[in-house]
N, C-alpha and C. Protein backbone atom coordinates (compact mmCIF):
# COMPACT_ATOMS: atom_id res chain seq x y z
N MET A 1 17.66 10.27 5.30
CA MET A 1 16.79 9.11 5.24
C MET A 1 17.59 7.89 5.70
N THR A 2 16.96 7.09 6.56
CA THR A 2 17.65 5.92 7.09
C THR A 2 17.69 4.80 6.04
N GLU A 3 18.53 3.82 6.29
CA GLU A 3 18.63 2.66 5.39
C GLU A 3 17.29 1.92 5.31
N ARG A 4 16.61 1.84 6.43
CA ARG A 4 15.29 1.18 6.47
C ARG A 4 14.27 1.94 5.62
N GLN A 5 14.28 3.27 5.71
CA GLN A 5 13.37 4.08 4.90
C GLN A 5 13.69 3.93 3.41
N GLN A 6 14.97 3.88 3.09
CA GLN A 6 15.37 3.69 1.69
C GLN A 6 14.89 2.34 1.17
N LEU A 7 15.01 1.31 1.98
CA LEU A 7 14.53 -0.01 1.59
C LEU A 7 13.02 0.02 1.36
N GLY A 8 12.30 0.69 2.23
CA GLY A 8 10.85 0.81 2.09
C GLY A 8 10.45 1.54 0.83
N ARG A 9 11.13 2.63 0.53
CA ARG A 9 10.83 3.39 -0.70
C ARG A 9 11.14 2.56 -1.95
N TRP A 10 12.25 1.82 -1.90
CA TRP A 10 12.61 0.96 -3.01
C TRP A 10 11.53 -0.10 -3.22
N GLY A 11 11.06 -0.71 -2.12
CA GLY A 11 10.01 -1.72 -2.21
C GLY A 11 8.71 -1.16 -2.77
N GLU A 12 8.35 0.03 -2.37
CA GLU A 12 7.13 0.66 -2.88
C GLU A 12 7.27 0.97 -4.37
N ALA A 13 8.43 1.46 -4.79
CA ALA A 13 8.65 1.74 -6.22
C ALA A 13 8.58 0.44 -7.03
N LEU A 14 9.13 -0.63 -6.49
CA LEU A 14 9.07 -1.93 -7.15
C LEU A 14 7.62 -2.41 -7.25
N ALA A 15 6.85 -2.22 -6.19
CA ALA A 15 5.44 -2.62 -6.19
C ALA A 15 4.65 -1.81 -7.23
N VAL A 16 4.91 -0.52 -7.32
CA VAL A 16 4.23 0.32 -8.32
C VAL A 16 4.54 -0.18 -9.72
N SER A 17 5.81 -0.46 -9.99
CA SER A 17 6.20 -0.98 -11.31
C SER A 17 5.49 -2.30 -11.60
N TYR A 18 5.42 -3.17 -10.61
CA TYR A 18 4.75 -4.46 -10.76
C TYR A 18 3.28 -4.27 -11.13
N LEU A 19 2.60 -3.41 -10.41
CA LEU A 19 1.18 -3.16 -10.67
C LEU A 19 0.97 -2.54 -12.05
N GLU A 20 1.77 -1.55 -12.38
CA GLU A 20 1.63 -0.89 -13.68
C GLU A 20 1.95 -1.84 -14.83
N ASP A 21 2.95 -2.70 -14.65
CA ASP A 21 3.29 -3.68 -15.69
C ASP A 21 2.14 -4.65 -15.94
N ARG A 22 1.26 -4.80 -14.98
CA ARG A 22 0.11 -5.68 -15.12
C ARG A 22 -1.15 -4.92 -15.53
N GLY A 23 -0.96 -3.67 -15.94
CA GLY A 23 -2.06 -2.88 -16.50
C GLY A 23 -2.87 -2.09 -15.49
N MET A 24 -2.46 -2.09 -14.24
CA MET A 24 -3.20 -1.32 -13.24
C MET A 24 -2.79 0.15 -13.31
N THR A 25 -3.70 1.02 -12.88
CA THR A 25 -3.43 2.46 -12.82
C THR A 25 -3.27 2.86 -11.37
N VAL A 26 -2.11 3.38 -11.02
CA VAL A 26 -1.86 3.83 -9.65
C VAL A 26 -2.50 5.20 -9.48
N LEU A 27 -3.38 5.29 -8.49
CA LEU A 27 -4.11 6.53 -8.23
C LEU A 27 -3.47 7.36 -7.13
N ASP A 28 -2.84 6.69 -6.18
CA ASP A 28 -2.30 7.39 -5.02
C ASP A 28 -1.18 6.57 -4.40
N ARG A 29 -0.23 7.29 -3.80
CA ARG A 29 0.86 6.64 -3.05
C ARG A 29 1.00 7.34 -1.72
N ASN A 30 1.22 6.57 -0.69
CA ASN A 30 1.45 7.09 0.67
C ASN A 30 0.37 8.07 1.10
N TRP A 31 -0.89 7.70 0.84
CA TRP A 31 -2.01 8.54 1.25
C TRP A 31 -2.18 8.42 2.76
N ARG A 32 -2.30 9.56 3.41
CA ARG A 32 -2.42 9.58 4.88
C ARG A 32 -3.67 10.31 5.33
N CYS A 33 -4.18 9.82 6.45
CA CYS A 33 -5.24 10.52 7.16
C CYS A 33 -4.99 10.28 8.65
N ARG A 34 -5.87 10.74 9.48
CA ARG A 34 -5.63 10.61 10.92
C ARG A 34 -5.68 9.16 11.39
N HIS A 35 -6.23 8.26 10.57
CA HIS A 35 -6.34 6.85 10.94
C HIS A 35 -5.15 6.01 10.50
N GLY A 36 -4.31 6.56 9.61
CA GLY A 36 -3.15 5.81 9.15
C GLY A 36 -2.77 6.14 7.72
N GLU A 37 -2.12 5.18 7.07
CA GLU A 37 -1.59 5.40 5.73
C GLU A 37 -1.87 4.19 4.84
N ILE A 38 -2.16 4.49 3.57
CA ILE A 38 -2.24 3.47 2.54
C ILE A 38 -1.02 3.65 1.65
N ASP A 39 -0.25 2.58 1.46
CA ASP A 39 0.96 2.68 0.66
C ASP A 39 0.65 2.95 -0.81
N ILE A 40 -0.27 2.15 -1.40
CA ILE A 40 -0.61 2.32 -2.81
C ILE A 40 -2.10 2.08 -3.00
N VAL A 41 -2.74 2.97 -3.78
CA VAL A 41 -4.12 2.78 -4.20
C VAL A 41 -4.08 2.73 -5.73
N ALA A 42 -4.69 1.68 -6.30
CA ALA A 42 -4.67 1.51 -7.75
C ALA A 42 -6.03 1.03 -8.23
N MET A 43 -6.21 1.10 -9.54
CA MET A 43 -7.40 0.55 -10.19
C MET A 43 -6.98 -0.60 -11.10
N ASP A 44 -7.70 -1.70 -11.00
CA ASP A 44 -7.52 -2.84 -11.89
C ASP A 44 -8.86 -3.02 -12.60
N GLY A 45 -8.99 -2.38 -13.75
CA GLY A 45 -10.29 -2.35 -14.41
C GLY A 45 -11.22 -1.48 -13.59
N ASP A 46 -12.33 -2.08 -13.11
CA ASP A 46 -13.25 -1.32 -12.27
C ASP A 46 -13.13 -1.72 -10.79
N CYS A 47 -12.02 -2.37 -10.45
CA CYS A 47 -11.78 -2.83 -9.08
C CYS A 47 -10.73 -1.96 -8.40
N LEU A 48 -11.06 -1.44 -7.22
CA LEU A 48 -10.12 -0.65 -6.44
C LEU A 48 -9.17 -1.61 -5.71
N VAL A 49 -7.88 -1.33 -5.80
CA VAL A 49 -6.85 -2.17 -5.18
C VAL A 49 -6.11 -1.32 -4.15
N VAL A 50 -6.10 -1.79 -2.90
CA VAL A 50 -5.40 -1.10 -1.81
C VAL A 50 -4.24 -1.99 -1.41
N CYS A 51 -3.02 -1.46 -1.49
CA CYS A 51 -1.82 -2.27 -1.26
C CYS A 51 -1.07 -1.83 -0.02
N GLU A 52 -0.72 -2.81 0.78
CA GLU A 52 0.20 -2.62 1.90
C GLU A 52 1.51 -3.23 1.45
N VAL A 53 2.57 -2.43 1.39
CA VAL A 53 3.87 -2.91 0.92
C VAL A 53 4.75 -3.21 2.13
N LYS A 54 5.27 -4.44 2.16
CA LYS A 54 6.21 -4.86 3.20
C LYS A 54 7.48 -5.32 2.52
N THR A 55 8.54 -4.55 2.68
CA THR A 55 9.81 -4.88 2.05
C THR A 55 10.77 -5.39 3.12
N ARG A 56 11.38 -6.52 2.84
CA ARG A 56 12.34 -7.11 3.76
C ARG A 56 13.65 -7.34 3.01
N SER A 57 14.76 -7.21 3.71
CA SER A 57 16.06 -7.50 3.10
C SER A 57 16.40 -8.97 3.25
N GLY A 58 15.64 -9.68 4.07
CA GLY A 58 15.84 -11.11 4.29
C GLY A 58 14.65 -11.67 5.03
N LEU A 59 14.68 -12.96 5.32
CA LEU A 59 13.55 -13.59 6.00
C LEU A 59 13.79 -13.76 7.50
N GLY A 60 14.77 -13.07 8.05
CA GLY A 60 15.08 -13.15 9.47
C GLY A 60 13.92 -12.76 10.36
N PHE A 61 13.07 -11.87 9.88
CA PHE A 61 11.90 -11.44 10.64
C PHE A 61 10.63 -12.07 10.10
N GLY A 62 10.77 -13.10 9.27
CA GLY A 62 9.61 -13.78 8.70
C GLY A 62 9.28 -13.28 7.32
N ASP A 63 8.36 -13.97 6.70
CA ASP A 63 7.89 -13.61 5.37
C ASP A 63 7.06 -12.34 5.48
N PRO A 64 7.19 -11.40 4.53
CA PRO A 64 6.43 -10.14 4.62
C PRO A 64 4.92 -10.33 4.75
N VAL A 65 4.37 -11.36 4.12
CA VAL A 65 2.92 -11.57 4.20
C VAL A 65 2.48 -11.86 5.64
N GLU A 66 3.37 -12.41 6.45
CA GLU A 66 3.04 -12.70 7.85
C GLU A 66 2.84 -11.42 8.67
N ALA A 67 3.36 -10.31 8.18
CA ALA A 67 3.24 -9.04 8.90
C ALA A 67 1.88 -8.39 8.72
N VAL A 68 1.09 -8.88 7.77
CA VAL A 68 -0.25 -8.33 7.53
C VAL A 68 -1.26 -9.24 8.23
N THR A 69 -1.61 -8.84 9.42
CA THR A 69 -2.52 -9.63 10.26
C THR A 69 -3.97 -9.27 9.95
N TRP A 70 -4.91 -9.99 10.58
CA TRP A 70 -6.33 -9.67 10.37
C TRP A 70 -6.64 -8.26 10.84
N ARG A 71 -5.93 -7.77 11.86
CA ARG A 71 -6.14 -6.39 12.32
C ARG A 71 -5.68 -5.38 11.27
N LYS A 72 -4.56 -5.70 10.61
CA LYS A 72 -4.06 -4.84 9.55
C LYS A 72 -5.05 -4.83 8.38
N TYR A 73 -5.61 -6.01 8.03
CA TYR A 73 -6.61 -6.07 6.97
C TYR A 73 -7.82 -5.19 7.32
N ALA A 74 -8.28 -5.28 8.56
CA ALA A 74 -9.44 -4.49 8.99
C ALA A 74 -9.10 -2.99 8.92
N ARG A 75 -7.90 -2.63 9.33
CA ARG A 75 -7.47 -1.23 9.27
C ARG A 75 -7.40 -0.75 7.82
N LEU A 76 -6.90 -1.60 6.93
CA LEU A 76 -6.84 -1.24 5.51
C LEU A 76 -8.23 -1.04 4.92
N ARG A 77 -9.19 -1.84 5.34
CA ARG A 77 -10.57 -1.66 4.86
C ARG A 77 -11.11 -0.31 5.32
N ARG A 78 -10.86 0.05 6.58
CA ARG A 78 -11.31 1.36 7.08
C ARG A 78 -10.60 2.50 6.34
N LEU A 79 -9.31 2.33 6.10
CA LEU A 79 -8.56 3.35 5.37
C LEU A 79 -9.06 3.48 3.94
N ALA A 80 -9.41 2.37 3.30
CA ALA A 80 -9.94 2.42 1.93
C ALA A 80 -11.25 3.21 1.91
N ALA A 81 -12.10 2.99 2.91
CA ALA A 81 -13.36 3.73 2.99
C ALA A 81 -13.08 5.22 3.19
N ALA A 82 -12.08 5.55 4.02
CA ALA A 82 -11.72 6.95 4.24
C ALA A 82 -11.15 7.56 2.97
N TRP A 83 -10.35 6.79 2.22
CA TRP A 83 -9.80 7.28 0.96
C TRP A 83 -10.92 7.58 -0.03
N LEU A 84 -11.88 6.68 -0.13
CA LEU A 84 -13.02 6.89 -1.03
C LEU A 84 -13.82 8.13 -0.63
N ALA A 85 -14.05 8.29 0.66
CA ALA A 85 -14.80 9.45 1.14
C ALA A 85 -14.04 10.74 0.83
N ASP A 86 -12.72 10.71 1.00
CA ASP A 86 -11.90 11.88 0.71
C ASP A 86 -11.94 12.23 -0.77
N ARG A 87 -11.95 11.21 -1.63
CA ARG A 87 -11.99 11.45 -3.08
C ARG A 87 -13.31 12.05 -3.53
N ARG A 88 -14.38 11.75 -2.83
CA ARG A 88 -15.69 12.31 -3.18
C ARG A 88 -15.73 13.82 -2.98
N HIS A 89 -14.86 14.32 -2.11
CA HIS A 89 -14.82 15.75 -1.80
C HIS A 89 -13.92 16.52 -2.75
N GLU A 90 -13.23 15.84 -3.64
CA GLU A 90 -12.31 16.53 -4.57
C GLU A 90 -13.07 17.07 -5.76
């Protein structure tokens, strides 16, 4: 595993801890389909939460929130719909 992959896994584990500490239930991690991947799917009460985790070791490449563009938001919405459809078949 590369250093970058290790940083990403660490960031995802930190995000899961953050969500769980706030009472959310993590339903899925690194869910994949042919359209892409969702890093974390959780429930906050009756609200589905879809998380894109961006871990940076510094701000040299900008703030992580800047990496989530409107196209990424649209892709996450499509992925959330695909995740829901996949869960209906379980």
